[in-house]
Amino acid sequence: MPMSPPRRTELIRWARKRGAYVVEDDYDGEFRYDRQPVGALQQMDPEHVVYAGTVSKSLAPGLRLGWLACPRSLMGIWPPPRPPWTGETA
């Protein structure tokens, strides 16, 4: 269940005040057939939200394709991506 707009705003305020990051796992963000999709929290504050996405549910579960959209401040800290042919999972 998605957060209400006031609660989402409160969470972003909390992250800004504390200098913290929110990790948003949006694996099913596009699967809203009974109502309008809720926008990603990451678009509210890209510098405090790490956005995790995947197409495993919609494209191919065996593909295991996912990504992170990180704030610029984390770009040098985050581990580099692994080549897809290693067979390792995160």
C-alpha atoms as a PDB file:
ATOM      1  CA  MET A   1       0.000   0.000   0.000  1.00  0.00           C
ATOM      2  CA  PRO A   2       1.491   3.365  -0.988  1.00  0.00           C
ATOM      3  CA  MET A   3       2.074   6.113   1.561  1.00  0.00           C
ATOM      4  CA  SER A   4      -0.320   9.033   1.662  1.00  0.00           C
ATOM      5  CA  PRO A   5       0.994  12.324   0.216  1.00  0.00           C
ATOM      6  CA  PRO A   6       1.368  13.969   3.665  1.00  0.00           C
ATOM      7  CA  ARG A   7       3.294  10.966   4.978  1.00  0.00           C
ATOM      8  CA  ARG A   8       5.571  10.968   1.917  1.00  0.00           C
ATOM      9  CA  THR A   9       6.306  14.661   2.462  1.00  0.00           C
ATOM     10  CA  GLU A  10       7.008  14.009   6.136  1.00  0.00           C
ATOM     11  CA  LEU A  11       9.466  11.224   5.250  1.00  0.00           C
ATOM     12  CA  ILE A  12      11.355  13.486   2.830  1.00  0.00           C
ATOM     13  CA  ARG A  13      11.504  16.232   5.473  1.00  0.00           C
ATOM     14  CA  TRP A  14      12.892  13.723   7.960  1.00  0.00           C
ATOM     15  CA  ALA A  15      15.626  12.602   5.529  1.00  0.00           C
ATOM     16  CA  ARG A  16      16.633  16.208   4.767  1.00  0.00           C
ATOM     17  CA  LYS A  17      16.739  17.184   8.441  1.00  0.00           C
ATOM     18  CA  ARG A  18      18.872  14.177   9.420  1.00  0.00           C
ATOM     19  CA  GLY A  19      21.038  14.072   6.296  1.00  0.00           C
ATOM     20  CA  ALA A  20      19.707  10.538   5.778  1.00  0.00           C
ATOM     21  CA  TYR A  21      18.725   8.508   2.748  1.00  0.00           C
ATOM     22  CA  VAL A  22      15.451   6.771   2.011  1.00  0.00           C
ATOM     23  CA  VAL A  23      15.638   3.530   0.006  1.00  0.00           C
ATOM     24  CA  GLU A  24      12.610   3.221  -2.263  1.00  0.00           C
ATOM     25  CA  ASP A  25      11.961  -0.265  -3.625  1.00  0.00           C
ATOM     26  CA  ASP A  26       9.550   0.346  -6.490  1.00  0.00           C
ATOM     27  CA  TYR A  27       9.276  -3.127  -7.987  1.00  0.00           C
ATOM     28  CA  ASP A  28       5.523  -2.807  -8.645  1.00  0.00           C
ATOM     29  CA  GLY A  29       5.085   0.927  -9.242  1.00  0.00           C
ATOM     30  CA  GLU A  30       3.568   0.469 -12.692  1.00  0.00           C
ATOM     31  CA  PHE A  31       1.063  -2.216 -11.669  1.00  0.00           C
ATOM     32  CA  ARG A  32      -1.753   0.089 -10.604  1.00  0.00           C
ATOM     33  CA  TYR A  33      -4.873  -0.823 -12.527  1.00  0.00           C
ATOM     34  CA  ASP A  34      -7.513   0.276 -10.023  1.00  0.00           C
ATOM     35  CA  ARG A  35      -6.148   3.807  -9.507  1.00  0.00           C
ATOM     36  CA  GLN A  36      -3.540   6.253 -10.765  1.00  0.00           C
ATOM     37  CA  PRO A  37       0.084   5.218 -10.211  1.00  0.00           C
ATOM     38  CA  VAL A  38       1.785   6.963  -7.327  1.00  0.00           C
ATOM     39  CA  GLY A  39       4.850   8.907  -8.396  1.00  0.00           C
ATOM     40  CA  ALA A  40       8.229   7.789  -7.172  1.00  0.00           C
ATOM     41  CA  LEU A  41       9.440   9.316  -3.934  1.00  0.00           C
ATOM     42  CA  GLN A  42      12.785   9.790  -5.653  1.00  0.00           C
ATOM     43  CA  GLN A  43      11.331  12.512  -7.858  1.00  0.00           C
ATOM     44  CA  MET A  44      10.480  14.540  -4.740  1.00  0.00           C
ATOM     45  CA  ASP A  45      14.110  14.657  -3.586  1.00  0.00           C
ATOM     46  CA  PRO A  46      16.708  12.887  -5.761  1.00  0.00           C
ATOM     47  CA  GLU A  47      19.503  13.792  -3.309  1.00  0.00           C
ATOM     48  CA  HIS A  48      17.944  11.886  -0.393  1.00  0.00           C
ATOM     49  CA  VAL A  49      16.277   8.906  -2.060  1.00  0.00           C
ATOM     50  CA  VAL A  50      17.952   5.789  -3.451  1.00  0.00           C
ATOM     51  CA  TYR A  51      15.530   4.378  -6.012  1.00  0.00           C
ATOM     52  CA  ALA A  52      15.606   0.627  -6.678  1.00  0.00           C
ATOM     53  CA  GLY A  53      13.764  -0.630  -9.729  1.00  0.00           C
ATOM     54  CA  THR A  54      13.328  -3.866 -11.624  1.00  0.00           C
ATOM     55  CA  VAL A  55      11.550  -5.308 -14.643  1.00  0.00           C
ATOM     56  CA  SER A  56      11.697  -8.879 -13.361  1.00  0.00           C
ATOM     57  CA  LYS A  57       7.943  -9.060 -12.788  1.00  0.00           C
ATOM     58  CA  SER A  58       6.960  -7.565 -16.125  1.00  0.00           C
ATOM     59  CA  LEU A  59       9.681  -8.570 -18.594  1.00  0.00           C
ATOM     60  CA  ALA A  60      11.249 -11.841 -17.530  1.00  0.00           C
ATOM     61  CA  PRO A  61      11.682 -13.176 -13.982  1.00  0.00           C
ATOM     62  CA  GLY A  62      14.705 -15.214 -15.022  1.00  0.00           C
ATOM     63  CA  LEU A  63      16.471 -12.129 -16.365  1.00  0.00           C
ATOM     64  CA  ARG A  64      16.878 -10.658 -12.857  1.00  0.00           C
ATOM     65  CA  LEU A  65      17.383  -7.153 -14.180  1.00  0.00           C
ATOM     66  CA  GLY A  66      17.411  -4.331 -11.649  1.00  0.00           C
ATOM     67  CA  TRP A  67      18.961  -0.925 -11.104  1.00  0.00           C
ATOM     68  CA  LEU A  68      19.601   1.757  -8.531  1.00  0.00           C
ATOM     69  CA  ALA A  69      19.273   5.489  -9.059  1.00  0.00           C
ATOM     70  CA  CYS A  70      21.548   6.940  -6.393  1.00  0.00           C
ATOM     71  CA  PRO A  71      22.089  10.499  -5.189  1.00  0.00           C
ATOM     72  CA  ARG A  72      25.281  12.062  -6.562  1.00  0.00           C
ATOM     73  CA  SER A  73      26.772  11.995  -3.077  1.00  0.00           C
ATOM     74  CA  LEU A  74      26.717   8.177  -3.113  1.00  0.00           C
ATOM     75  CA  MET A  75      28.055   7.601  -6.618  1.00  0.00           C
ATOM     76  CA  GLY A  76      31.698   7.073  -5.579  1.00  0.00           C
ATOM     77  CA  ILE A  77      30.781   5.039  -2.507  1.00  0.00           C
ATOM     78  CA  TRP A  78      28.426   2.478  -4.038  1.00  0.00           C
ATOM     79  CA  PRO A  79      30.030  -0.736  -5.286  1.00  0.00           C
ATOM     80  CA  PRO A  80      30.418  -1.013  -9.060  1.00  0.00           C
ATOM     81  CA  PRO A  81      27.908  -3.192 -10.923  1.00  0.00           C
ATOM     82  CA  ARG A  82      28.779  -6.821 -11.532  1.00  0.00           C
ATOM     83  CA  PRO A  83      28.881  -8.194 -15.051  1.00  0.00           C
ATOM     84  CA  PRO A  84      25.671 -10.109 -15.800  1.00  0.00           C
ATOM     85  CA  TRP A  85      27.516 -13.277 -16.818  1.00  0.00           C
ATOM     86  CA  THR A  86      29.000 -14.052 -13.381  1.00  0.00           C
ATOM     87  CA  GLY A  87      25.915 -15.944 -12.242  1.00  0.00           C
ATOM     88  CA  GLU A  88      26.124 -14.259  -8.852  1.00  0.00           C
ATOM     89  CA  THR A  89      23.124 -12.624  -7.245  1.00  0.00           C
ATOM     90  CA  ALA A  90      23.184  -9.547  -5.088  1.00  0.00           C
END
